[in-house]
C-alpha atoms as a PDB file:
ATOM      1  CA  UNK A   1      71.974 134.611 137.424  1.00  0.00           C
ATOM      2  CA  UNK A   2      72.240 130.931 138.380  1.00  0.00           C
ATOM      3  CA  UNK A   3      75.861 130.142 139.264  1.00  0.00           C
ATOM      4  CA  UNK A   4      75.219 126.382 139.680  1.00  0.00           C
ATOM      5  CA  UNK A   5      73.522 126.251 136.261  1.00  0.00           C
ATOM      6  CA  UNK A   6      76.485 128.113 134.788  1.00  0.00           C
ATOM      7  CA  UNK A   7      78.915 125.577 136.294  1.00  0.00           C
ATOM      8  CA  UNK A   8      76.866 122.657 134.952  1.00  0.00           C
ATOM      9  CA  UNK A   9      76.932 124.115 131.445  1.00  0.00           C
ATOM     10  CA  UNK A  10      80.645 124.833 131.708  1.00  0.00           C
ATOM     11  CA  UNK A  11      81.302 121.263 132.905  1.00  0.00           C
ATOM     12  CA  UNK A  12      79.252 119.772 130.031  1.00  0.00           C
ATOM     13  CA  UNK A  13      81.182 121.927 127.556  1.00  0.00           C
ATOM     14  CA  UNK A  14      84.497 120.802 129.068  1.00  0.00           C
ATOM     15  CA  UNK A  15      83.433 117.140 128.808  1.00  0.00           C
ATOM     16  CA  UNK A  16      82.394 117.716 125.168  1.00  0.00           C
ATOM     17  CA  UNK A  17      85.780 119.271 124.367  1.00  0.00           C
ATOM     18  CA  UNK A  18      87.630 116.450 126.115  1.00  0.00           C
ATOM     19  CA  UNK A  19      85.691 113.775 124.221  1.00  0.00           C
ATOM     20  CA  UNK A  20      86.392 115.615 120.969  1.00  0.00           C
ATOM     21  CA  UNK A  21      90.090 115.750 121.843  1.00  0.00           C
ATOM     22  CA  UNK A  22      90.147 112.051 122.729  1.00  0.00           C
ATOM     23  CA  UNK A  23      88.437 111.166 119.457  1.00  0.00           C
ATOM     24  CA  UNK A  24      91.380 112.630 117.584  1.00  0.00           C
ATOM     25  CA  UNK A  25      93.298 109.647 118.965  1.00  0.00           C
ATOM     26  CA  UNK A  26      92.666 107.794 115.713  1.00  0.00           C
ATOM     27  CA  UNK A  27      96.218 107.420 114.490  1.00  0.00           C
ATOM     28  CA  UNK A  28      98.594 105.045 116.116  1.00  0.00           C
ATOM     29  CA  UNK A  29     102.218 104.482 115.249  1.00  0.00           C
ATOM     30  CA  UNK A  30     103.698 101.055 115.346  1.00  0.00           C
ATOM     31  CA  UNK A  31     107.262 100.092 114.581  1.00  0.00           C
ATOM     32  CA  UNK A  32     107.653  96.990 112.452  1.00  0.00           C
ATOM     33  CA  UNK A  33     111.150  95.871 111.525  1.00  0.00           C
ATOM     34  CA  UNK A  34     112.549  99.349 112.122  1.00  0.00           C
ATOM     35  CA  UNK A  35     110.000 101.007 109.811  1.00  0.00           C
ATOM     36  CA  UNK A  36     107.270 103.180 111.246  1.00  0.00           C
ATOM     37  CA  UNK A  37     103.797 102.398 110.066  1.00  0.00           C
ATOM     38  CA  UNK A  38     100.748 104.595 110.605  1.00  0.00           C
ATOM     39  CA  UNK A  39      97.412 102.889 111.133  1.00  0.00           C
ATOM     40  CA  UNK A  40      93.940 104.365 111.364  1.00  0.00           C
ATOM     41  CA  UNK A  41      92.124 102.491 114.089  1.00  0.00           C
ATOM     42  CA  UNK A  42      88.359 102.417 114.501  1.00  0.00           C
ATOM     43  CA  UNK A  43      86.500 102.533 117.820  1.00  0.00           C
ATOM     44  CA  UNK A  44      86.033  98.737 117.664  1.00  0.00           C
ATOM     45  CA  UNK A  45      89.638  97.969 116.699  1.00  0.00           C
ATOM     46  CA  UNK A  46      89.337  97.543 112.953  1.00  0.00           C
ATOM     47  CA  UNK A  47      92.252  98.853 110.919  1.00  0.00           C
ATOM     48  CA  UNK A  48      90.425 101.371 108.734  1.00  0.00           C
ATOM     49  CA  UNK A  49      93.347 101.897 106.376  1.00  0.00           C
ATOM     50  CA  UNK A  50      93.213  98.197 105.444  1.00  0.00           C
ATOM     51  CA  UNK A  51      89.545  98.381 104.416  1.00  0.00           C
ATOM     52  CA  UNK A  52      88.607  98.651 100.743  1.00  0.00           C
ATOM     53  CA  UNK A  53      86.063 101.384 101.585  1.00  0.00           C
ATOM     54  CA  UNK A  54      88.466 103.637 103.504  1.00  0.00           C
ATOM     55  CA  UNK A  55      88.915 107.023 101.811  1.00  0.00           C
ATOM     56  CA  UNK A  56      86.328 106.094  99.173  1.00  0.00           C
ATOM     57  CA  UNK A  57      83.024 105.574 100.958  1.00  0.00           C
ATOM     58  CA  UNK A  58      84.309 105.972 104.495  1.00  0.00           C
ATOM     59  CA  UNK A  59      86.755 108.193 106.371  1.00  0.00           C
ATOM     60  CA  UNK A  60      86.671 106.015 109.500  1.00  0.00           C
ATOM     61  CA  UNK A  61      84.202 106.087 112.359  1.00  0.00           C
ATOM     62  CA  UNK A  62      86.190 108.659 114.348  1.00  0.00           C
ATOM     63  CA  UNK A  63      86.164 111.130 111.453  1.00  0.00           C
ATOM     64  CA  UNK A  64      82.422 110.758 110.811  1.00  0.00           C
ATOM     65  CA  UNK A  65      81.435 110.462 114.478  1.00  0.00           C
ATOM     66  CA  UNK A  66      80.067 106.967 114.102  1.00  0.00           C
ATOM     67  CA  UNK A  67      77.907 107.735 111.085  1.00  0.00           C
ATOM     68  CA  UNK A  68      79.691 105.398 108.696  1.00  0.00           C
ATOM     69  CA  UNK A  69      78.201 104.625 105.289  1.00  0.00           C
ATOM     70  CA  UNK A  70      77.113 101.149 106.403  1.00  0.00           C
ATOM     71  CA  UNK A  71      75.607 102.393 109.683  1.00  0.00           C
ATOM     72  CA  UNK A  72      73.572 104.960 107.749  1.00  0.00           C
ATOM     73  CA  UNK A  73      72.019 102.076 105.810  1.00  0.00           C
ATOM     74  CA  UNK A  74      71.681  99.565 108.655  1.00  0.00           C
ATOM     75  CA  UNK A  75      70.460 101.479 111.720  1.00  0.00           C
ATOM     76  CA  UNK A  76      67.556 103.873 112.287  1.00  0.00           C
ATOM     77  CA  UNK A  77      69.729 106.454 114.088  1.00  0.00           C
ATOM     78  CA  UNK A  78      72.456 106.059 111.399  1.00  0.00           C
ATOM     79  CA  UNK A  79      75.202 105.608 114.022  1.00  0.00           C
ATOM     80  CA  UNK A  80      77.339 102.531 114.587  1.00  0.00           C
ATOM     81  CA  UNK A  81      76.088 100.964 117.848  1.00  0.00           C
ATOM     82  CA  UNK A  82      79.651 100.363 119.076  1.00  0.00           C
ATOM     83  CA  UNK A  83      80.572 104.014 118.510  1.00  0.00           C
ATOM     84  CA  UNK A  84      77.354 105.095 120.178  1.00  0.00           C
ATOM     85  CA  UNK A  85      78.021 102.913 123.222  1.00  0.00           C
ATOM     86  CA  UNK A  86      81.751 103.585 123.663  1.00  0.00           C
ATOM     87  CA  UNK A  87      82.021 107.235 122.676  1.00  0.00           C
ATOM     88  CA  UNK A  88      78.598 108.805 123.026  1.00  0.00           C
ATOM     89  CA  UNK A  89      77.230 106.933 126.032  1.00  0.00           C
ATOM     90  CA  UNK A  90      80.324 106.009 128.038  1.00  0.00           C
ATOM     91  CA  UNK A  91      82.721 108.792 127.040  1.00  0.00           C
ATOM     92  CA  UNK A  92      85.527 106.455 125.927  1.00  0.00           C
ATOM     93  CA  UNK A  93      87.564 107.066 122.805  1.00  0.00           C
ATOM     94  CA  UNK A  94      87.270 103.371 121.864  1.00  0.00           C
ATOM     95  CA  UNK A  95      85.968 100.029 123.106  1.00  0.00           C
ATOM     96  CA  UNK A  96      89.372  99.077 124.559  1.00  0.00           C
ATOM     97  CA  UNK A  97      88.742 101.180 127.659  1.00  0.00           C
ATOM     98  CA  UNK A  98      85.562  99.269 128.487  1.00  0.00           C
ATOM     99  CA  UNK A  99      85.953  96.519 131.104  1.00  0.00           C
ATOM    100  CA  UNK A 100      83.180  94.544 129.358  1.00  0.00           C
ATOM    101  CA  UNK A 101      85.123  94.111 126.092  1.00  0.00           C
ATOM    102  CA  UNK A 102      84.076  92.028 124.250  1.00  0.00           C
ATOM    103  CA  UNK A 103      80.471  92.616 125.266  1.00  0.00           C
ATOM    104  CA  UNK A 104      77.317  91.154 123.756  1.00  0.00           C
ATOM    105  CA  UNK A 105      76.846  94.165 121.473  1.00  0.00           C
ATOM    106  CA  UNK A 106      80.459  93.875 120.251  1.00  0.00           C
ATOM    107  CA  UNK A 107      80.086  90.154 119.583  1.00  0.00           C
ATOM    108  CA  UNK A 108      76.680  90.447 117.888  1.00  0.00           C
ATOM    109  CA  UNK A 109      77.711  93.188 115.436  1.00  0.00           C
ATOM    110  CA  UNK A 110      78.943  90.983 112.632  1.00  0.00           C
ATOM    111  CA  UNK A 111      79.977  91.484 109.019  1.00  0.00           C
ATOM    112  CA  UNK A 112      77.520  89.305 107.075  1.00  0.00           C
ATOM    113  CA  UNK A 113      80.186  88.552 104.461  1.00  0.00           C
ATOM    114  CA  UNK A 114      82.445  86.566 106.793  1.00  0.00           C
ATOM    115  CA  UNK A 115      82.087  83.118 108.365  1.00  0.00           C
ATOM    116  CA  UNK A 116      81.428  82.507 112.051  1.00  0.00           C
ATOM    117  CA  UNK A 117      85.027  81.334 112.442  1.00  0.00           C
ATOM    118  CA  UNK A 118      86.373  84.501 110.779  1.00  0.00           C
ATOM    119  CA  UNK A 119      84.090  86.617 112.950  1.00  0.00           C
ATOM    120  CA  UNK A 120      85.319  84.987 116.164  1.00  0.00           C
ATOM    121  CA  UNK A 121      88.932  85.456 115.069  1.00  0.00           C
ATOM    122  CA  UNK A 122      88.215  89.102 114.241  1.00  0.00           C
ATOM    123  CA  UNK A 123      86.770  89.680 117.721  1.00  0.00           C
ATOM    124  CA  UNK A 124      89.910  88.275 119.349  1.00  0.00           C
ATOM    125  CA  UNK A 125      92.263  90.302 117.128  1.00  0.00           C
ATOM    126  CA  UNK A 126      90.383  93.591 117.475  1.00  0.00           C
ATOM    127  CA  UNK A 127      89.959  93.333 121.250  1.00  0.00           C
ATOM    128  CA  UNK A 128      93.628  92.426 121.649  1.00  0.00           C
ATOM    129  CA  UNK A 129      94.698  95.297 119.381  1.00  0.00           C
ATOM    130  CA  UNK A 130      92.688  97.829 121.392  1.00  0.00           C
ATOM    131  CA  UNK A 131      94.021  96.609 124.708  1.00  0.00           C
ATOM    132  CA  UNK A 132      97.657  96.523 123.540  1.00  0.00           C
ATOM    133  CA  UNK A 133      97.772  99.828 121.706  1.00  0.00           C
ATOM    134  CA  UNK A 134      95.899 102.125 124.017  1.00  0.00           C
ATOM    135  CA  UNK A 135      95.773 100.845 127.581  1.00  0.00           C
END
């Protein structure tokens, strides 16, 4: 019996459980004018509950582990590249923990239905939201 191998497997399982637990950090509560508001926040800082596709075509990237309906159509591995980078590769629960935010990948992943100006504004808002709410 290989004790070191056993410890490595146990450590990997612990890391998997911790990442799963962190990914449940999808709801944030914010008080606005005395009223509490619940928001569903994506890995990249989008407010899922404000999206027309939320609860129809999409449950949010956290709930589907990055395999959103649009990522299934747009990428060969069917995973959002920001989810893959932040959660799967780096072990973060969202991009806000990354010191490189906003990175090249974050900036280049753009909704084709919005203007360059809207995209740049969205980057600023989402990055700010992630830093303020979770750091």
